[in-house]
Protein backbone atom coordinates (compact mmCIF):
# COMPACT_ATOMS: atom_id res chain seq x y z
CA UNK A 1 17.19 -5.65 16.36
CA UNK A 2 15.55 -8.59 18.14
CA UNK A 3 17.44 -10.70 20.62
CA UNK A 4 19.19 -13.84 19.50
CA UNK A 5 16.96 -16.82 18.77
CA UNK A 6 17.24 -19.51 21.42
CA UNK A 7 16.21 -23.17 21.74
CA UNK A 8 15.40 -23.54 18.09
CA UNK A 9 15.79 -26.75 16.16
CA UNK A 10 17.35 -24.75 13.30
CA UNK A 11 17.63 -21.23 11.96
CA UNK A 12 17.66 -19.79 8.45
CA UNK A 13 17.89 -16.25 7.14
CA UNK A 14 15.98 -14.36 4.47
CA UNK A 15 17.07 -11.19 2.68
CA UNK A 16 14.39 -9.07 1.05
CA UNK A 17 14.36 -5.59 -0.50
CA UNK A 18 10.56 -5.54 -0.29
CA UNK A 19 8.32 -3.92 2.33
CA UNK A 20 5.26 -6.14 1.78
CA UNK A 21 6.59 -9.50 2.99
CA UNK A 22 3.62 -10.18 5.27
CA UNK A 23 1.04 -9.61 2.53
CA UNK A 24 2.84 -11.97 0.13
CA UNK A 25 0.96 -15.31 0.31
CA UNK A 26 4.05 -17.34 -0.56
CA UNK A 27 6.16 -15.76 2.18
CA UNK A 28 3.50 -16.01 4.90
CA UNK A 29 2.77 -19.64 4.06
CA UNK A 30 6.52 -20.34 4.10
CA UNK A 31 6.82 -18.78 7.56
CA UNK A 32 3.99 -20.96 8.88
CA UNK A 33 5.51 -24.16 7.50
CA UNK A 34 8.89 -23.27 8.96
CA UNK A 35 7.19 -22.59 12.28
CA UNK A 36 5.57 -26.05 12.20
CA UNK A 37 9.00 -27.55 11.50
CA UNK A 38 10.54 -25.59 14.42
CA UNK A 39 12.66 -23.49 12.12
CA UNK A 40 13.23 -19.87 13.09
CA UNK A 41 13.95 -17.07 10.65
CA UNK A 42 16.03 -13.93 10.65
CA UNK A 43 14.43 -11.53 8.17
CA UNK A 44 16.77 -8.80 6.90
CA UNK A 45 15.29 -5.88 4.99
CA UNK A 46 13.45 -2.54 5.18
CA UNK A 47 10.64 -1.81 7.62
CA UNK A 48 7.63 -3.96 6.79
CA UNK A 49 4.12 -2.63 6.16
CA UNK A 50 2.18 -4.20 7.72
CA UNK A 51 4.45 -5.51 10.45
CA UNK A 52 4.69 -9.15 11.44
CA UNK A 53 1.29 -10.58 12.45
CA UNK A 54 0.85 -12.08 15.90
CA UNK A 55 0.45 -15.64 14.59
CA UNK A 56 3.96 -15.68 13.11
CA UNK A 57 6.23 -15.91 16.14
CA UNK A 58 9.24 -17.57 14.51
CA UNK A 59 10.45 -14.53 12.54
CA UNK A 60 12.97 -12.05 13.95
CA UNK A 61 13.21 -8.85 11.93
CA UNK A 62 16.52 -7.05 11.52
CA UNK A 63 16.18 -3.68 9.82
CA UNK A 64 18.69 -3.46 6.98
CA UNK A 65 19.58 -1.02 4.22
CA UNK A 66 20.55 -2.41 0.81
CA UNK A 67 21.91 -0.26 -2.02
CA UNK A 68 23.13 -1.30 -5.43
CA UNK A 69 26.44 0.53 -5.23
CA UNK A 70 28.56 -0.29 -2.21
CA UNK A 71 30.66 2.86 -2.23
CA UNK A 72 28.91 5.54 -4.30
CA UNK A 73 26.66 7.46 -1.90
CA UNK A 74 28.30 8.59 1.38
CA UNK A 75 24.87 9.33 2.87
CA UNK A 76 24.04 5.61 2.89
CA UNK A 77 27.57 4.33 3.36
CA UNK A 78 27.43 3.67 7.10
CA UNK A 79 23.91 2.19 7.16
CA UNK A 80 24.71 0.03 4.14
CA UNK A 81 27.90 -1.46 5.51
CA UNK A 82 26.39 -1.82 8.98
CA UNK A 83 23.64 -3.95 7.45
CA UNK A 84 26.17 -6.29 5.83
CA UNK A 85 28.11 -6.49 9.08
CA UNK A 86 24.96 -7.41 11.04
CA UNK A 87 24.02 -10.13 8.56
CA UNK A 88 27.46 -11.72 8.48
CA UNK A 89 27.82 -11.50 12.27
CA UNK A 90 24.45 -13.20 12.84
CA UNK A 91 25.11 -15.89 10.25
CA UNK A 92 28.33 -16.77 12.07
CA UNK A 93 26.97 -16.38 15.60
CA UNK A 94 23.87 -18.53 14.97
CA UNK A 95 25.76 -20.91 12.65
CA UNK A 96 23.25 -20.17 9.88
CA UNK A 97 24.19 -21.62 6.52
CA UNK A 98 20.90 -21.31 4.60
CA UNK A 99 20.23 -17.93 3.02
CA UNK A 100 17.07 -17.21 1.01
CA UNK A 101 17.23 -14.11 -1.18
CA UNK A 102 14.13 -12.41 -2.59
CA UNK A 103 14.03 -10.71 -6.01
CA UNK A 104 16.92 -9.05 -7.89
CA UNK A 105 18.26 -6.81 -5.11
CA UNK A 106 17.96 -9.66 -2.62
CA UNK A 107 20.05 -12.04 -4.72
CA UNK A 108 22.68 -9.34 -5.24
CA UNK A 109 23.03 -8.93 -1.46
CA UNK A 110 22.88 -12.68 -0.89
CA UNK A 111 25.45 -13.31 -3.57
CA UNK A 112 27.81 -10.74 -2.08
CA UNK A 113 27.52 -12.39 1.31
CA UNK A 114 28.11 -15.87 -0.12
CA UNK A 115 31.13 -14.61 -2.04
CA UNK A 116 32.52 -13.17 1.20
CA UNK A 117 31.74 -16.12 3.51
CA UNK A 118 32.32 -18.94 1.03
CA UNK A 119 30.67 -21.94 -0.57
CA UNK A 120 29.33 -23.30 2.72
CA UNK A 121 26.40 -20.88 2.36
CA UNK A 122 23.36 -22.54 0.78
CA UNK A 123 21.93 -19.68 -1.33
CA UNK A 124 18.40 -19.90 -2.71
CA UNK A 125 16.81 -17.38 -5.06
CA UNK A 126 13.10 -16.61 -4.47
CA UNK A 127 11.95 -14.77 -7.58
CA UNK A 128 8.68 -12.83 -7.77
CA UNK A 129 9.76 -10.22 -10.34
CA UNK A 130 11.71 -10.81 -13.58
CA UNK A 131 13.54 -7.93 -15.25
CA UNK A 132 14.59 -8.24 -18.89
CA UNK A 133 17.85 -6.70 -20.02
CA UNK A 134 16.51 -5.43 -23.34
CA UNK A 135 13.88 -3.36 -21.48
CA UNK A 136 16.35 -1.69 -19.13
CA UNK A 137 18.66 1.29 -18.93
CA UNK A 138 20.52 3.25 -16.25
CA UNK A 139 20.03 2.03 -12.67
CA UNK A 140 17.90 -0.98 -13.58
CA UNK A 141 20.37 -2.14 -16.24
CA UNK A 142 23.20 -2.03 -13.69
CA UNK A 143 21.02 -3.96 -11.25
CA UNK A 144 20.24 -6.57 -13.90
CA UNK A 145 23.89 -7.08 -14.75
CA UNK A 146 24.70 -7.66 -11.08
CA UNK A 147 21.67 -9.93 -10.68
CA UNK A 148 22.86 -12.06 -13.59
CA UNK A 149 26.36 -12.28 -12.09
CA UNK A 150 25.18 -13.29 -8.62
CA UNK A 151 22.63 -15.75 -10.05
CA UNK A 152 25.74 -17.84 -10.73
CA UNK A 153 26.10 -18.29 -6.95
CA UNK A 154 22.67 -19.84 -6.31
CA UNK A 155 22.04 -23.43 -5.26
CA UNK A 156 18.27 -23.49 -5.72
CA UNK A 157 15.39 -21.46 -7.11
CA UNK A 158 11.75 -20.82 -6.23
CA UNK A 159 9.59 -19.39 -9.01
CA UNK A 160 5.90 -19.55 -9.87
CA UNK A 161 5.38 -21.54 -13.08
CA UNK A 162 7.09 -23.19 -16.04
CA UNK A 163 6.97 -20.12 -18.27
CA UNK A 164 8.48 -17.78 -15.70
CA UNK A 165 11.06 -20.43 -14.81
CA UNK A 166 12.22 -20.69 -18.42
CA UNK A 167 12.28 -16.91 -18.83
CA UNK A 168 14.40 -16.34 -15.73
CA UNK A 169 16.79 -19.21 -16.46
CA UNK A 170 17.39 -17.92 -19.98
CA UNK A 171 17.61 -14.26 -18.94
CA UNK A 172 20.03 -14.88 -16.06
CA UNK A 173 21.97 -17.80 -17.59
CA UNK A 174 21.13 -19.95 -14.55
CA UNK A 175 22.54 -23.45 -14.59
CA UNK A 176 21.33 -25.55 -11.67
CA UNK A 177 19.81 -29.06 -11.82
CA UNK A 178 16.04 -29.22 -12.47
CA UNK A 179 15.54 -30.97 -9.13
CA UNK A 180 16.80 -27.81 -7.41
CA UNK A 181 13.95 -25.71 -8.81
CA UNK A 182 10.57 -25.42 -7.05
CA UNK A 183 7.47 -24.13 -8.82
CA UNK A 184 5.31 -22.40 -6.21
CA UNK A 185 2.45 -20.15 -7.38
CA UNK A 186 1.71 -16.95 -5.49
CA UNK A 187 -1.44 -18.32 -3.95
CA UNK A 188 -3.19 -18.14 -0.58
CA UNK A 189 -3.75 -21.04 1.75
CA UNK A 190 -7.33 -22.27 1.49
CA UNK A 191 -9.87 -20.23 3.46
CA UNK A 192 -13.30 -21.68 4.18
CA UNK A 193 -16.08 -19.11 3.88
CA UNK A 194 -18.86 -19.90 6.35
CA UNK A 195 -21.39 -17.46 4.88
CA UNK A 196 -21.18 -15.37 1.75
CA UNK A 197 -22.25 -11.73 2.06
CA UNK A 198 -25.33 -10.30 0.34
CA UNK A 199 -23.62 -7.83 -1.99
CA UNK A 200 -26.84 -6.79 -3.70
CA UNK A 201 -28.27 -5.55 -0.41
CA UNK A 202 -25.12 -4.11 1.14
CA UNK A 203 -24.16 -2.11 -1.99
CA UNK A 204 -27.72 -1.35 -3.12
CA UNK A 205 -27.45 -3.21 -6.44
CA UNK A 206 -30.56 -4.45 -8.26
CA UNK A 207 -31.10 -8.13 -7.47
CA UNK A 208 -31.48 -9.08 -11.13
CA UNK A 209 -27.87 -8.08 -11.88
CA UNK A 210 -25.03 -10.59 -11.87
CA UNK A 211 -22.10 -9.33 -9.85
CA UNK A 212 -18.59 -8.72 -11.20
CA UNK A 213 -15.69 -7.62 -9.00
CA UNK A 214 -12.60 -5.66 -9.93
CA UNK A 215 -10.36 -5.34 -6.87
CA UNK A 216 -6.99 -3.65 -6.86
CA UNK A 217 -5.11 -0.59 -8.00
CA UNK A 218 -5.97 2.21 -10.42
CA UNK A 219 -3.85 2.61 -13.53
CA UNK A 220 -3.42 1.73 -17.18
CA UNK A 221 -1.36 -1.37 -16.30
CA UNK A 222 -4.18 -2.94 -14.29
CA UNK A 223 -6.99 -2.27 -16.73
CA UNK A 224 -8.61 0.98 -15.57
CA UNK A 225 -8.48 2.44 -19.09
CA UNK A 226 -9.95 -0.77 -20.52
CA UNK A 227 -12.81 -0.79 -18.00
CA UNK A 228 -13.71 2.82 -18.76
CA UNK A 229 -13.59 2.08 -22.49
CA UNK A 230 -15.86 -0.94 -22.05
CA UNK A 231 -18.62 1.26 -20.63
CA UNK A 232 -18.02 4.33 -22.82
CA UNK A 233 -18.07 2.38 -26.08
CA UNK A 234 -20.95 0.12 -25.14
CA UNK A 235 -18.95 -3.11 -24.99
CA UNK A 236 -20.21 -3.99 -21.50
CA UNK A 237 -23.17 -6.34 -20.99
CA UNK A 238 -25.60 -4.49 -18.74
CA UNK A 239 -26.91 -7.72 -17.22
CA UNK A 240 -23.70 -7.58 -15.16
CA UNK A 241 -22.95 -5.00 -12.47
CA UNK A 242 -19.28 -4.13 -11.91
CA UNK A 243 -18.06 -3.22 -8.43
CA UNK A 244 -14.73 -1.37 -8.59
CA UNK A 245 -13.04 -2.01 -5.24
CA UNK A 246 -9.98 -0.11 -4.03
CA UNK A 247 -8.32 -0.04 -0.62
CA UNK A 248 -8.38 3.75 -0.51
CA UNK A 249 -10.67 6.52 -1.70
CA UNK A 250 -9.55 7.79 -5.10
CA UNK A 251 -8.48 11.39 -4.61
CA UNK A 252 -9.80 14.23 -6.78
CA UNK A 253 -6.32 14.87 -8.18
CA UNK A 254 -6.01 11.30 -9.47
CA UNK A 255 -5.89 11.06 -13.27
CA UNK A 256 -8.85 8.67 -13.28
CA UNK A 257 -11.02 10.41 -10.69
CA UNK A 258 -13.38 12.28 -13.01
CA UNK A 259 -13.95 9.37 -15.38
CA UNK A 260 -14.60 6.85 -12.61
CA UNK A 261 -16.95 9.22 -10.77
CA UNK A 262 -18.76 9.90 -14.04
CA UNK A 263 -19.39 6.16 -14.43
CA UNK A 264 -20.59 5.82 -10.86
CA UNK A 265 -22.95 8.80 -11.06
CA UNK A 266 -24.59 7.70 -14.32
CA UNK A 267 -27.75 5.82 -13.31
CA UNK A 268 -27.77 4.01 -16.65
CA UNK A 269 -24.36 2.43 -16.10
CA UNK A 270 -24.13 -0.71 -13.89
CA UNK A 271 -21.05 0.41 -12.02
CA UNK A 272 -20.23 1.14 -8.36
CA UNK A 273 -17.11 2.39 -6.62
CA UNK A 274 -16.27 0.62 -3.37
CA UNK A 275 -13.26 2.17 -1.61
CA UNK A 276 -12.83 0.11 1.52
CA UNK A 277 -9.76 -1.10 3.42
CA UNK A 278 -10.14 -4.55 4.93
CA UNK A 279 -8.32 -5.34 8.16
CA UNK A 280 -7.22 -8.78 7.01
CA UNK A 281 -6.99 -11.00 3.95
CA UNK A 282 -9.69 -13.18 5.50
CA UNK A 283 -12.13 -10.24 5.60
CA UNK A 284 -11.33 -9.35 1.99
CA UNK A 285 -11.91 -12.97 0.97
CA UNK A 286 -15.35 -13.02 2.60
CA UNK A 287 -16.29 -9.86 0.67
CA UNK A 288 -15.01 -11.26 -2.64
CA UNK A 289 -16.86 -14.52 -2.16
CA UNK A 290 -20.16 -12.72 -2.71
CA UNK A 291 -19.45 -12.13 -6.42
CA UNK A 292 -20.35 -14.21 -9.46
CA UNK A 293 -17.40 -13.21 -11.61
CA UNK A 294 -14.03 -11.41 -11.33
CA UNK A 295 -11.65 -9.45 -13.53
CA UNK A 296 -7.87 -9.93 -13.34
CA UNK A 297 -6.51 -7.61 -16.00
CA UNK A 298 -2.86 -6.87 -16.79
CA UNK A 299 -1.74 -4.52 -19.57
CA UNK A 300 2.05 -4.37 -19.97
CA UNK A 301 3.76 -1.12 -20.89
CA UNK A 302 7.23 0.41 -20.83
CA UNK A 303 6.75 2.72 -17.83
CA UNK A 304 9.10 0.65 -15.66
CA UNK A 305 10.64 -2.86 -15.60
CA UNK A 306 7.81 -4.28 -13.48
CA UNK A 307 5.23 -3.49 -16.16
CA UNK A 308 6.99 -4.96 -19.22
CA UNK A 309 7.44 -8.62 -20.09
CA UNK A 310 7.38 -9.36 -16.36
CA UNK A 311 3.71 -8.38 -16.42
CA UNK A 312 2.94 -9.79 -19.87
CA UNK A 313 3.79 -13.25 -18.56
CA UNK A 314 2.47 -12.70 -15.05
CA UNK A 315 0.95 -16.19 -14.97
CA UNK A 316 0.88 -17.81 -11.56
CA UNK A 317 2.70 -14.90 -9.92
CA UNK A 318 -0.69 -13.17 -9.75
CA UNK A 319 -1.95 -13.58 -6.21
CA UNK A 320 -5.19 -11.92 -7.30
CA UNK A 321 -5.91 -14.64 -9.85
CA UNK A 322 -5.08 -17.39 -7.36
CA UNK A 323 -7.33 -15.82 -4.73
CA UNK A 324 -10.29 -15.84 -7.10
CA UNK A 325 -9.61 -19.49 -7.95
CA UNK A 326 -9.42 -20.37 -4.26
CA UNK A 327 -12.85 -18.76 -3.76
CA UNK A 328 -14.32 -20.49 -6.82
CA UNK A 329 -14.96 -17.21 -8.65
CA UNK A 330 -14.77 -17.60 -12.45
CA UNK A 331 -12.35 -14.98 -13.74
CA UNK A 332 -11.79 -13.07 -16.97
CA UNK A 333 -8.07 -12.58 -17.55
CA UNK A 334 -5.88 -10.88 -20.14
CA UNK A 335 -3.67 -13.16 -22.27
CA UNK A 336 -0.45 -14.82 -21.19
CA UNK A 337 1.03 -18.19 -22.09
CA UNK A 338 0.17 -19.93 -18.80
CA UNK A 339 -3.49 -18.81 -18.85
CA UNK A 340 -3.81 -19.91 -22.47
CA UNK A 341 -2.63 -23.39 -21.48
CA UNK A 342 -4.67 -23.63 -18.28
CA UNK A 343 -8.00 -22.59 -19.85
CA UNK A 344 -7.81 -25.65 -22.12
CA UNK A 345 -7.93 -28.00 -19.11
CA UNK A 346 -9.65 -25.92 -16.46
CA UNK A 347 -12.69 -23.79 -17.45
CA UNK A 348 -11.75 -21.13 -14.89
CA UNK A 349 -13.42 -18.26 -16.79
CA UNK A 350 -12.25 -16.70 -20.03
CA UNK A 351 -9.22 -15.10 -21.68
CA UNK A 352 -9.99 -11.58 -22.96
CA UNK A 353 -7.99 -10.82 -26.10
CA UNK A 354 -9.39 -7.29 -26.52
CA UNK A 355 -11.72 -5.18 -24.40
CA UNK A 356 -14.19 -4.93 -27.30
CA UNK A 357 -14.90 -8.65 -26.72
CA UNK A 358 -16.00 -8.23 -23.10
CA UNK A 359 -19.72 -8.09 -23.89
CA UNK A 360 -19.55 -11.20 -26.05
CA UNK A 361 -17.66 -13.10 -23.37
CA UNK A 362 -20.19 -12.11 -20.73
CA UNK A 363 -23.08 -13.14 -22.97
CA UNK A 364 -21.75 -16.39 -24.41
CA UNK A 365 -19.39 -17.92 -21.84
CA UNK A 366 -20.70 -20.47 -19.38
CA UNK A 367 -18.89 -19.48 -16.20
CA UNK A 368 -18.23 -22.50 -14.01
CA UNK A 369 -17.25 -22.24 -10.37
CA UNK A 370 -16.10 -25.85 -10.39
CA UNK A 371 -13.47 -25.09 -13.00
CA UNK A 372 -11.99 -22.44 -10.72
CA UNK A 373 -12.08 -24.72 -7.68
CA UNK A 374 -10.48 -27.55 -9.65
CA UNK A 375 -7.65 -25.32 -10.86
CA UNK A 376 -6.93 -24.16 -7.31
CA UNK A 377 -7.06 -27.67 -5.85
CA UNK A 378 -4.87 -29.25 -8.52
CA UNK A 379 -2.40 -26.48 -9.37
CA UNK A 380 -2.49 -23.58 -6.94
CA UNK A 381 -2.54 -24.95 -3.39
CA UNK A 382 0.79 -23.71 -2.03
CA UNK A 383 1.51 -25.79 1.06
CA UNK A 384 2.71 -29.07 -0.47
CA UNK A 385 4.76 -27.18 -3.06
CA UNK A 386 6.42 -25.09 -0.36
CA UNK A 387 7.19 -28.20 1.68
CA UNK A 388 8.94 -29.67 -1.37
CA UNK A 389 10.91 -26.43 -1.68
CA UNK A 390 12.02 -26.74 1.94
CA UNK A 391 13.05 -30.35 1.23
CA UNK A 392 15.18 -29.07 -1.65
CA UNK A 393 17.07 -26.55 0.47
CA UNK A 394 17.45 -29.05 3.34
CA UNK A 395 18.89 -31.67 1.00
CA UNK A 396 21.29 -29.17 -0.50
CA UNK A 397 22.39 -28.11 2.96
CA UNK A 398 23.11 -31.67 4.05
CA UNK A 399 25.28 -32.13 0.97
CA UNK A 400 27.36 -29.00 1.62
């Protein structure tokens, strides 16, 4: 554990069950704003991958173990209760009264602590994932029931858009004033690209091809099946070349390995694999900026709670979509209520109802970079929205 924070104007604490805090655009932007405001942070949670970057000096990490059941597993009993003891001790020692809790497990822990310490704790729920009770069973159902209970202890809420706000409020029976709710999309702070890369040359793609990027994971939920089908069934428009970017090389035992390699090795198919880890988000952004068009595809299923309605209405919780908008890359997305509304005002790309329409969309849609830029500038810039969120929790704290 880090040493106690000294000479700070104020201190808050954050509880997270997640390991990717420093790759979450909302959290990193929040840390930077708090740093500017001379607010230090105790971050309680599991080991973070990657660890805290050098330019965030106001965060002190305290490794913590959080389990759903307080008493059930003796293996975790000591570590679990030690974590609660450390949090409560630091809250009292540093006179911290603002506690931000991330996602369902975070709000369960935060709610337990508030119930123990009392109403003087200002508890805020930061929600990136929404679980729906009718999709759950077993462990996740028990977690949801506890999440709903401890949602009754919150004073404020950060969530990404109006649709997800309404879904979470209804699902968790949350009753707080509207002015205590902040809508903050998962979106990066603006990055200026000095020079776009020459993708045609670097990846050996014919110069007459327009460039489309898919960047992300491999799986049915993120559109890998749909992409393969688009080429296999002739839906794809061959005036466009698709670069399939992943952070790691796809291993030969992966379920999609043979099909993706078949696409790449067929000289008649405008498709390239590009497994490449970038050292920073800035480097990834420079690479992405060289493309004419992007795909942000989400196909919900019942494999786990993350992939159900939570994904169907992903909306402005998609950092991928926001990144493409920030870079001015027109984007083809799968349907959700927020995208359906936004496309009417901002021509950011197109909404793909079915993969068999992909060729028609590529042929007939006028893809406008300005529509993407406008959407980012008017709806997705995170800094002012996060500052309003901080104002909310500060106001609530003063009124405690």
